[in-house]
């Protein structure tokens, strides 16, 4: 049950008929895992904290660098050299003292990743590398946890949501098949550049989808790829189908 102080704090959100007091209580009782505290995670963490997500876990093994500050708006200049997970958790807690925030100063993988996902209600993949994205995708599918994935590079952004609660695909691997041993040319902000507001938009959209999913408001765009072009302000949406031969979620049918 919400306290009087919480009711006042979230009043503008509770006024939304799709949320109401019941939806706000669902947010307060939820746990969300953020994998990555860079540009995507910066925006998502602040909006999730502001919305009143009761338990927020932020995982990242990196430290704040001066080159991050152009787009990772949760950090300040004096935070250079400090743990992203810790600073992001501190900033989220400073924004909303009514929530619980736990930093994980490590790159989640294997059993630790599976454990953290088992404890959460929804996972936001805000990472910046393919091995982590595919590991998170597989772990979420195996744990039947919904996954909201975002990405951004140069002027383009991507948003994807996968509902694994019934043990069914499609999944991230269906859309972006990946072989760990295959030679790859990684593309990221370091070698391709990024427009800060684009990555902020994608992180904010991830937070919005998580809030809708938990509170029961509206419809989450599951099983779809949404692409945003910051140069033209155009959105494109593509429905996704399960790859029957997918090693993660496929049925193995011919």
C-alpha atoms as a PDB file:
ATOM      1  CA  UNK A   1       0.000   0.000   0.000  1.00  0.00           C
ATOM      2  CA  UNK A   2       1.310   3.446  -0.919  1.00  0.00           C
ATOM      3  CA  UNK A   3       2.174   5.916   1.813  1.00  0.00           C
ATOM      4  CA  UNK A   4       0.806   9.454   1.730  1.00  0.00           C
ATOM      5  CA  UNK A   5       4.233  10.725   0.648  1.00  0.00           C
ATOM      6  CA  UNK A   6       4.428   8.217  -2.192  1.00  0.00           C
ATOM      7  CA  UNK A   7       0.906   9.048  -3.323  1.00  0.00           C
ATOM      8  CA  UNK A   8       1.853  12.719  -3.585  1.00  0.00           C
ATOM      9  CA  UNK A   9       5.121  11.952  -5.356  1.00  0.00           C
ATOM     10  CA  UNK A  10       3.498   9.744  -8.011  1.00  0.00           C
ATOM     11  CA  UNK A  11       0.230  11.676  -8.233  1.00  0.00           C
ATOM     12  CA  UNK A  12       0.649  12.710 -11.891  1.00  0.00           C
ATOM     13  CA  UNK A  13       1.281   9.086 -12.846  1.00  0.00           C
ATOM     14  CA  UNK A  14      -1.514   7.710 -10.683  1.00  0.00           C
ATOM     15  CA  UNK A  15      -3.897  10.136 -12.415  1.00  0.00           C
ATOM     16  CA  UNK A  16      -3.440   8.144 -15.609  1.00  0.00           C
ATOM     17  CA  UNK A  17      -6.441   5.785 -15.757  1.00  0.00           C
ATOM     18  CA  UNK A  18      -4.244   3.068 -17.293  1.00  0.00           C
ATOM     19  CA  UNK A  19      -2.018   3.135 -14.191  1.00  0.00           C
ATOM     20  CA  UNK A  20      -4.032   4.249 -11.176  1.00  0.00           C
ATOM     21  CA  UNK A  21      -3.132   3.367  -7.605  1.00  0.00           C
ATOM     22  CA  UNK A  22      -3.145  -0.361  -8.334  1.00  0.00           C
ATOM     23  CA  UNK A  23      -0.660   0.033 -11.177  1.00  0.00           C
ATOM     24  CA  UNK A  24       1.563   2.231  -9.010  1.00  0.00           C
ATOM     25  CA  UNK A  25       1.614  -0.445  -6.334  1.00  0.00           C
ATOM     26  CA  UNK A  26       2.697  -2.985  -8.959  1.00  0.00           C
ATOM     27  CA  UNK A  27       5.586  -0.714  -9.874  1.00  0.00           C
ATOM     28  CA  UNK A  28       6.550  -0.361  -6.217  1.00  0.00           C
ATOM     29  CA  UNK A  29       6.623  -4.147  -5.801  1.00  0.00           C
ATOM     30  CA  UNK A  30       8.560  -4.854  -8.989  1.00  0.00           C
ATOM     31  CA  UNK A  31      12.244  -5.560  -9.554  1.00  0.00           C
ATOM     32  CA  UNK A  32      13.935  -4.489 -12.779  1.00  0.00           C
ATOM     33  CA  UNK A  33      17.425  -5.495 -13.889  1.00  0.00           C
ATOM     34  CA  UNK A  34      19.416  -3.061 -16.018  1.00  0.00           C
ATOM     35  CA  UNK A  35      22.280  -4.762 -17.829  1.00  0.00           C
ATOM     36  CA  UNK A  36      24.586  -1.889 -18.708  1.00  0.00           C
ATOM     37  CA  UNK A  37      24.796   1.646 -17.347  1.00  0.00           C
ATOM     38  CA  UNK A  38      25.961   3.504 -20.449  1.00  0.00           C
ATOM     39  CA  UNK A  39      23.872   5.749 -22.670  1.00  0.00           C
ATOM     40  CA  UNK A  40      20.830   3.472 -22.702  1.00  0.00           C
ATOM     41  CA  UNK A  41      21.065   2.581 -19.030  1.00  0.00           C
ATOM     42  CA  UNK A  42      21.586   6.203 -17.973  1.00  0.00           C
ATOM     43  CA  UNK A  43      18.250   7.300 -19.378  1.00  0.00           C
ATOM     44  CA  UNK A  44      16.382   4.149 -18.390  1.00  0.00           C
ATOM     45  CA  UNK A  45      17.629   4.191 -14.792  1.00  0.00           C
ATOM     46  CA  UNK A  46      16.506   7.761 -14.152  1.00  0.00           C
ATOM     47  CA  UNK A  47      13.029   7.285 -15.591  1.00  0.00           C
ATOM     48  CA  UNK A  48      12.508   3.950 -13.828  1.00  0.00           C
ATOM     49  CA  UNK A  49      13.592   5.503 -10.549  1.00  0.00           C
ATOM     50  CA  UNK A  50      11.341   8.499 -11.092  1.00  0.00           C
ATOM     51  CA  UNK A  51       8.387   6.246 -11.920  1.00  0.00           C
ATOM     52  CA  UNK A  52       8.750   4.413  -8.619  1.00  0.00           C
ATOM     53  CA  UNK A  53      10.124   1.001  -9.582  1.00  0.00           C
ATOM     54  CA  UNK A  54      10.571  -0.397  -6.085  1.00  0.00           C
ATOM     55  CA  UNK A  55      13.697  -2.469  -6.710  1.00  0.00           C
ATOM     56  CA  UNK A  56      16.269  -1.488  -9.305  1.00  0.00           C
ATOM     57  CA  UNK A  57      19.432  -3.501  -9.995  1.00  0.00           C
ATOM     58  CA  UNK A  58      22.104  -1.829 -12.143  1.00  0.00           C
ATOM     59  CA  UNK A  59      24.951  -3.983 -13.483  1.00  0.00           C
ATOM     60  CA  UNK A  60      28.072  -2.653 -15.208  1.00  0.00           C
ATOM     61  CA  UNK A  61      31.787  -3.389 -14.817  1.00  0.00           C
ATOM     62  CA  UNK A  62      33.020  -0.145 -16.404  1.00  0.00           C
ATOM     63  CA  UNK A  63      34.203   3.170 -14.981  1.00  0.00           C
ATOM     64  CA  UNK A  64      33.117   6.658 -16.024  1.00  0.00           C
ATOM     65  CA  UNK A  65      35.312   8.207 -18.724  1.00  0.00           C
ATOM     66  CA  UNK A  66      35.286  11.736 -20.112  1.00  0.00           C
ATOM     67  CA  UNK A  67      34.112  10.433 -23.503  1.00  0.00           C
ATOM     68  CA  UNK A  68      30.967   9.039 -21.833  1.00  0.00           C
ATOM     69  CA  UNK A  69      29.683  12.420 -20.675  1.00  0.00           C
ATOM     70  CA  UNK A  70      28.425  13.486 -24.117  1.00  0.00           C
ATOM     71  CA  UNK A  71      25.533  11.026 -23.845  1.00  0.00           C
ATOM     72  CA  UNK A  72      25.549   9.192 -20.484  1.00  0.00           C
ATOM     73  CA  UNK A  73      23.658  11.917 -18.686  1.00  0.00           C
ATOM     74  CA  UNK A  74      23.390  10.231 -15.296  1.00  0.00           C
ATOM     75  CA  UNK A  75      27.067  11.023 -14.634  1.00  0.00           C
ATOM     76  CA  UNK A  76      28.875  14.269 -13.815  1.00  0.00           C
ATOM     77  CA  UNK A  77      32.394  15.407 -14.613  1.00  0.00           C
ATOM     78  CA  UNK A  78      33.625  14.652 -11.094  1.00  0.00           C
ATOM     79  CA  UNK A  79      32.546  11.018 -11.468  1.00  0.00           C
ATOM     80  CA  UNK A  80      35.358  10.195 -13.899  1.00  0.00           C
ATOM     81  CA  UNK A  81      37.265   7.086 -12.833  1.00  0.00           C
ATOM     82  CA  UNK A  82      34.460   5.816 -10.595  1.00  0.00           C
ATOM     83  CA  UNK A  83      32.233   2.759 -11.001  1.00  0.00           C
ATOM     84  CA  UNK A  84      29.323   3.343 -13.374  1.00  0.00           C
ATOM     85  CA  UNK A  85      27.092   0.892 -11.525  1.00  0.00           C
ATOM     86  CA  UNK A  86      27.740   2.565  -8.182  1.00  0.00           C
ATOM     87  CA  UNK A  87      27.340   6.131  -9.414  1.00  0.00           C
ATOM     88  CA  UNK A  88      24.208   5.284 -11.412  1.00  0.00           C
ATOM     89  CA  UNK A  89      22.728   3.622  -8.332  1.00  0.00           C
ATOM     90  CA  UNK A  90      23.591   6.641  -6.184  1.00  0.00           C
ATOM     91  CA  UNK A  91      22.038   9.036  -8.691  1.00  0.00           C
ATOM     92  CA  UNK A  92      18.859   6.963  -8.990  1.00  0.00           C
ATOM     93  CA  UNK A  93      18.568   6.790  -5.203  1.00  0.00           C
ATOM     94  CA  UNK A  94      19.160  10.534  -4.918  1.00  0.00           C
ATOM     95  CA  UNK A  95      16.317  11.117  -7.366  1.00  0.00           C
ATOM     96  CA  UNK A  96      13.946   8.839  -5.461  1.00  0.00           C
ATOM     97  CA  UNK A  97      14.758   7.870  -1.854  1.00  0.00           C
ATOM     98  CA  UNK A  98      11.622   5.703  -1.681  1.00  0.00           C
ATOM     99  CA  UNK A  99      13.102   2.972  -3.890  1.00  0.00           C
ATOM    100  CA  UNK A 100      15.837   0.380  -3.379  1.00  0.00           C
ATOM    101  CA  UNK A 101      18.762   0.378  -5.788  1.00  0.00           C
ATOM    102  CA  UNK A 102      21.519  -2.236  -5.834  1.00  0.00           C
ATOM    103  CA  UNK A 103      24.659  -1.809  -7.932  1.00  0.00           C
ATOM    104  CA  UNK A 104      26.442  -4.824  -9.402  1.00  0.00           C
ATOM    105  CA  UNK A 105      29.984  -3.770 -10.280  1.00  0.00           C
ATOM    106  CA  UNK A 106      30.627  -6.673 -12.647  1.00  0.00           C
ATOM    107  CA  UNK A 107      29.844  -7.866 -16.166  1.00  0.00           C
ATOM    108  CA  UNK A 108      27.057 -10.378 -15.685  1.00  0.00           C
ATOM    109  CA  UNK A 109      27.666 -13.813 -17.187  1.00  0.00           C
ATOM    110  CA  UNK A 110      26.977 -17.501 -16.600  1.00  0.00           C
ATOM    111  CA  UNK A 111      25.578 -18.358 -13.135  1.00  0.00           C
ATOM    112  CA  UNK A 112      25.642 -14.781 -11.846  1.00  0.00           C
ATOM    113  CA  UNK A 113      23.629 -13.632 -14.846  1.00  0.00           C
ATOM    114  CA  UNK A 114      21.132 -16.483 -14.409  1.00  0.00           C
ATOM    115  CA  UNK A 115      20.766 -15.706 -10.692  1.00  0.00           C
ATOM    116  CA  UNK A 116      20.120 -12.005 -11.206  1.00  0.00           C
ATOM    117  CA  UNK A 117      17.573 -12.690 -13.952  1.00  0.00           C
ATOM    118  CA  UNK A 118      15.788 -15.275 -11.782  1.00  0.00           C
ATOM    119  CA  UNK A 119      15.261 -12.591  -9.120  1.00  0.00           C
ATOM    120  CA  UNK A 120      13.824  -9.960 -11.442  1.00  0.00           C
ATOM    121  CA  UNK A 121      10.474  -9.275 -13.113  1.00  0.00           C
ATOM    122  CA  UNK A 122      11.769  -7.733 -16.339  1.00  0.00           C
ATOM    123  CA  UNK A 123      15.230  -7.264 -17.841  1.00  0.00           C
ATOM    124  CA  UNK A 124      16.406  -4.237 -19.796  1.00  0.00           C
ATOM    125  CA  UNK A 125      19.371  -5.030 -22.032  1.00  0.00           C
ATOM    126  CA  UNK A 126      21.287  -1.773 -22.206  1.00  0.00           C
ATOM    127  CA  UNK A 127      24.621  -3.405 -23.045  1.00  0.00           C
ATOM    128  CA  UNK A 128      26.945  -2.469 -25.887  1.00  0.00           C
ATOM    129  CA  UNK A 129      28.374  -5.788 -27.082  1.00  0.00           C
ATOM    130  CA  UNK A 130      27.032  -8.865 -28.855  1.00  0.00           C
ATOM    131  CA  UNK A 131      28.291 -11.548 -26.430  1.00  0.00           C
ATOM    132  CA  UNK A 132      26.406  -9.912 -23.553  1.00  0.00           C
ATOM    133  CA  UNK A 133      23.279  -9.340 -25.650  1.00  0.00           C
ATOM    134  CA  UNK A 134      23.111 -12.980 -26.688  1.00  0.00           C
ATOM    135  CA  UNK A 135      23.882 -14.230 -23.179  1.00  0.00           C
ATOM    136  CA  UNK A 136      21.109 -12.060 -21.725  1.00  0.00           C
ATOM    137  CA  UNK A 137      18.692 -13.207 -24.420  1.00  0.00           C
ATOM    138  CA  UNK A 138      19.347 -16.892 -23.699  1.00  0.00           C
ATOM    139  CA  UNK A 139      19.199 -16.448 -19.912  1.00  0.00           C
ATOM    140  CA  UNK A 140      15.896 -14.542 -20.119  1.00  0.00           C
ATOM    141  CA  UNK A 141      14.381 -17.219 -22.364  1.00  0.00           C
ATOM    142  CA  UNK A 142      15.482 -20.022 -20.058  1.00  0.00           C
ATOM    143  CA  UNK A 143      14.077 -18.171 -17.022  1.00  0.00           C
ATOM    144  CA  UNK A 144      10.806 -17.158 -18.780  1.00  0.00           C
ATOM    145  CA  UNK A 145      11.455 -13.490 -18.105  1.00  0.00           C
ATOM    146  CA  UNK A 146      10.443 -10.659 -20.464  1.00  0.00           C
ATOM    147  CA  UNK A 147      13.314  -8.821 -22.133  1.00  0.00           C
ATOM    148  CA  UNK A 148      13.371  -5.265 -23.455  1.00  0.00           C
ATOM    149  CA  UNK A 149      16.400  -4.591 -25.622  1.00  0.00           C
ATOM    150  CA  UNK A 150      17.659  -1.274 -26.953  1.00  0.00           C
ATOM    151  CA  UNK A 151      20.523  -0.251 -29.199  1.00  0.00           C
ATOM    152  CA  UNK A 152      21.847   2.894 -30.830  1.00  0.00           C
ATOM    153  CA  UNK A 153      24.701   3.792 -33.150  1.00  0.00           C
ATOM    154  CA  UNK A 154      25.404   6.945 -35.163  1.00  0.00           C
ATOM    155  CA  UNK A 155      21.903   8.403 -35.842  1.00  0.00           C
ATOM    156  CA  UNK A 156      19.973   5.112 -35.663  1.00  0.00           C
ATOM    157  CA  UNK A 157      18.182   3.514 -32.750  1.00  0.00           C
ATOM    158  CA  UNK A 158      16.542   0.125 -32.275  1.00  0.00           C
ATOM    159  CA  UNK A 159      13.959  -1.082 -29.775  1.00  0.00           C
ATOM    160  CA  UNK A 160      12.870  -4.700 -29.321  1.00  0.00           C
ATOM    161  CA  UNK A 161      10.740  -6.452 -26.702  1.00  0.00           C
ATOM    162  CA  UNK A 162      10.489 -10.204 -26.217  1.00  0.00           C
ATOM    163  CA  UNK A 163       7.865 -11.939 -24.084  1.00  0.00           C
ATOM    164  CA  UNK A 164       9.342 -15.208 -22.839  1.00  0.00           C
ATOM    165  CA  UNK A 165       6.829 -15.770 -20.038  1.00  0.00           C
ATOM    166  CA  UNK A 166       5.182 -18.627 -21.946  1.00  0.00           C
ATOM    167  CA  UNK A 167       8.494 -20.132 -23.045  1.00  0.00           C
ATOM    168  CA  UNK A 168       8.053 -19.065 -26.655  1.00  0.00           C
ATOM    169  CA  UNK A 169       9.985 -16.969 -29.177  1.00  0.00           C
ATOM    170  CA  UNK A 170      10.869 -15.097 -31.233  1.00  0.00           C
ATOM    171  CA  UNK A 171      14.055 -13.997 -29.522  1.00  0.00           C
ATOM    172  CA  UNK A 172      17.046 -11.768 -30.176  1.00  0.00           C
ATOM    173  CA  UNK A 173      18.935 -14.637 -31.815  1.00  0.00           C
ATOM    174  CA  UNK A 174      16.117 -15.119 -34.350  1.00  0.00           C
ATOM    175  CA  UNK A 175      16.653 -11.537 -35.472  1.00  0.00           C
ATOM    176  CA  UNK A 176      20.440 -11.385 -35.197  1.00  0.00           C
ATOM    177  CA  UNK A 177      21.926 -14.899 -35.548  1.00  0.00           C
ATOM    178  CA  UNK A 178      25.372 -15.081 -34.006  1.00  0.00           C
ATOM    179  CA  UNK A 179      28.250 -17.524 -34.023  1.00  0.00           C
ATOM    180  CA  UNK A 180      30.788 -16.813 -31.256  1.00  0.00           C
ATOM    181  CA  UNK A 181      33.684 -18.249 -33.267  1.00  0.00           C
ATOM    182  CA  UNK A 182      32.920 -16.397 -36.485  1.00  0.00           C
ATOM    183  CA  UNK A 183      35.202 -13.414 -37.320  1.00  0.00           C
ATOM    184  CA  UNK A 184      33.356 -10.176 -36.641  1.00  0.00           C
ATOM    185  CA  UNK A 185      33.917  -6.462 -37.075  1.00  0.00           C
ATOM    186  CA  UNK A 186      32.339  -4.978 -33.933  1.00  0.00           C
ATOM    187  CA  UNK A 187      30.450  -1.723 -34.379  1.00  0.00           C
ATOM    188  CA  UNK A 188      30.011   0.483 -31.354  1.00  0.00           C
ATOM    189  CA  UNK A 189      30.067   4.105 -30.268  1.00  0.00           C
ATOM    190  CA  UNK A 190      33.845   4.055 -29.941  1.00  0.00           C
ATOM    191  CA  UNK A 191      34.476   3.364 -33.614  1.00  0.00           C
ATOM    192  CA  UNK A 192      31.256   4.551 -35.271  1.00  0.00           C
ATOM    193  CA  UNK A 193      30.077   7.553 -33.249  1.00  0.00           C
ATOM    194  CA  UNK A 194      26.709   8.283 -31.660  1.00  0.00           C
ATOM    195  CA  UNK A 195      24.285  11.203 -31.406  1.00  0.00           C
ATOM    196  CA  UNK A 196      23.584  11.492 -27.683  1.00  0.00           C
ATOM    197  CA  UNK A 197      19.837  12.198 -27.846  1.00  0.00           C
ATOM    198  CA  UNK A 198      19.291   9.090 -29.998  1.00  0.00           C
ATOM    199  CA  UNK A 199      20.675   6.718 -27.376  1.00  0.00           C
ATOM    200  CA  UNK A 200      18.771   8.660 -24.715  1.00  0.00           C
ATOM    201  CA  UNK A 201      15.538   8.177 -26.659  1.00  0.00           C
ATOM    202  CA  UNK A 202      16.059   4.434 -26.888  1.00  0.00           C
ATOM    203  CA  UNK A 203      16.808   4.131 -23.171  1.00  0.00           C
ATOM    204  CA  UNK A 204      13.724   6.185 -22.349  1.00  0.00           C
ATOM    205  CA  UNK A 205      11.615   3.977 -24.606  1.00  0.00           C
ATOM    206  CA  UNK A 206      12.955   0.893 -22.835  1.00  0.00           C
ATOM    207  CA  UNK A 207      11.872   2.406 -19.526  1.00  0.00           C
ATOM    208  CA  UNK A 208       8.443   3.232 -20.946  1.00  0.00           C
ATOM    209  CA  UNK A 209       7.892  -0.326 -22.146  1.00  0.00           C
ATOM    210  CA  UNK A 210       8.965  -1.679 -18.742  1.00  0.00           C
ATOM    211  CA  UNK A 211       6.568   0.652 -16.914  1.00  0.00           C
ATOM    212  CA  UNK A 212       3.708  -0.394 -19.209  1.00  0.00           C
ATOM    213  CA  UNK A 213       4.534  -4.071 -18.813  1.00  0.00           C
ATOM    214  CA  UNK A 214       4.631  -3.965 -15.015  1.00  0.00           C
ATOM    215  CA  UNK A 215       1.656  -1.658 -14.464  1.00  0.00           C
ATOM    216  CA  UNK A 216      -0.515  -3.304 -17.115  1.00  0.00           C
ATOM    217  CA  UNK A 217      -0.961  -0.052 -19.049  1.00  0.00           C
ATOM    218  CA  UNK A 218      -1.373  -0.195 -22.819  1.00  0.00           C
ATOM    219  CA  UNK A 219       0.333  -2.745 -25.012  1.00  0.00           C
ATOM    220  CA  UNK A 220       4.020  -3.562 -25.146  1.00  0.00           C
ATOM    221  CA  UNK A 221       5.324  -3.956 -28.698  1.00  0.00           C
ATOM    222  CA  UNK A 222       6.426  -7.556 -28.253  1.00  0.00           C
ATOM    223  CA  UNK A 223       7.932  -9.511 -31.173  1.00  0.00           C
ATOM    224  CA  UNK A 224       8.686  -6.405 -33.178  1.00  0.00           C
ATOM    225  CA  UNK A 225      11.751  -4.477 -34.273  1.00  0.00           C
ATOM    226  CA  UNK A 226      11.281  -0.715 -34.127  1.00  0.00           C
ATOM    227  CA  UNK A 227      13.906   1.395 -35.869  1.00  0.00           C
ATOM    228  CA  UNK A 228      14.389   5.131 -35.445  1.00  0.00           C
ATOM    229  CA  UNK A 229      16.315   7.435 -37.788  1.00  0.00           C
ATOM    230  CA  UNK A 230      17.427  10.581 -36.008  1.00  0.00           C
ATOM    231  CA  UNK A 231      18.283  12.366 -39.255  1.00  0.00           C
ATOM    232  CA  UNK A 232      14.769  12.090 -40.668  1.00  0.00           C
ATOM    233  CA  UNK A 233      12.792  11.478 -37.434  1.00  0.00           C
ATOM    234  CA  UNK A 234      11.226   8.441 -39.128  1.00  0.00           C
ATOM    235  CA  UNK A 235      10.137   5.247 -37.364  1.00  0.00           C
ATOM    236  CA  UNK A 236       9.823   1.837 -38.978  1.00  0.00           C
ATOM    237  CA  UNK A 237       8.283  -1.250 -37.382  1.00  0.00           C
ATOM    238  CA  UNK A 238       8.820  -4.848 -38.455  1.00  0.00           C
ATOM    239  CA  UNK A 239       7.025  -7.831 -36.942  1.00  0.00           C
ATOM    240  CA  UNK A 240       9.291 -10.722 -35.993  1.00  0.00           C
ATOM    241  CA  UNK A 241       8.736 -14.444 -36.442  1.00  0.00           C
ATOM    242  CA  UNK A 242      10.334 -17.316 -34.581  1.00  0.00           C
ATOM    243  CA  UNK A 243      13.132 -19.072 -36.424  1.00  0.00           C
ATOM    244  CA  UNK A 244      12.207 -22.734 -35.971  1.00  0.00           C
ATOM    245  CA  UNK A 245      15.900 -23.644 -36.126  1.00  0.00           C
ATOM    246  CA  UNK A 246      16.938 -21.003 -33.603  1.00  0.00           C
ATOM    247  CA  UNK A 247      19.279 -22.626 -31.024  1.00  0.00           C
ATOM    248  CA  UNK A 248      17.685 -20.546 -28.257  1.00  0.00           C
ATOM    249  CA  UNK A 249      13.921 -20.561 -28.801  1.00  0.00           C
ATOM    250  CA  UNK A 250      13.343 -22.663 -31.929  1.00  0.00           C
ATOM    251  CA  UNK A 251      11.153 -25.729 -32.095  1.00  0.00           C
ATOM    252  CA  UNK A 252      13.840 -27.577 -34.121  1.00  0.00           C
ATOM    253  CA  UNK A 253      11.215 -28.355 -36.773  1.00  0.00           C
ATOM    254  CA  UNK A 254      12.371 -28.758 -40.363  1.00  0.00           C
END
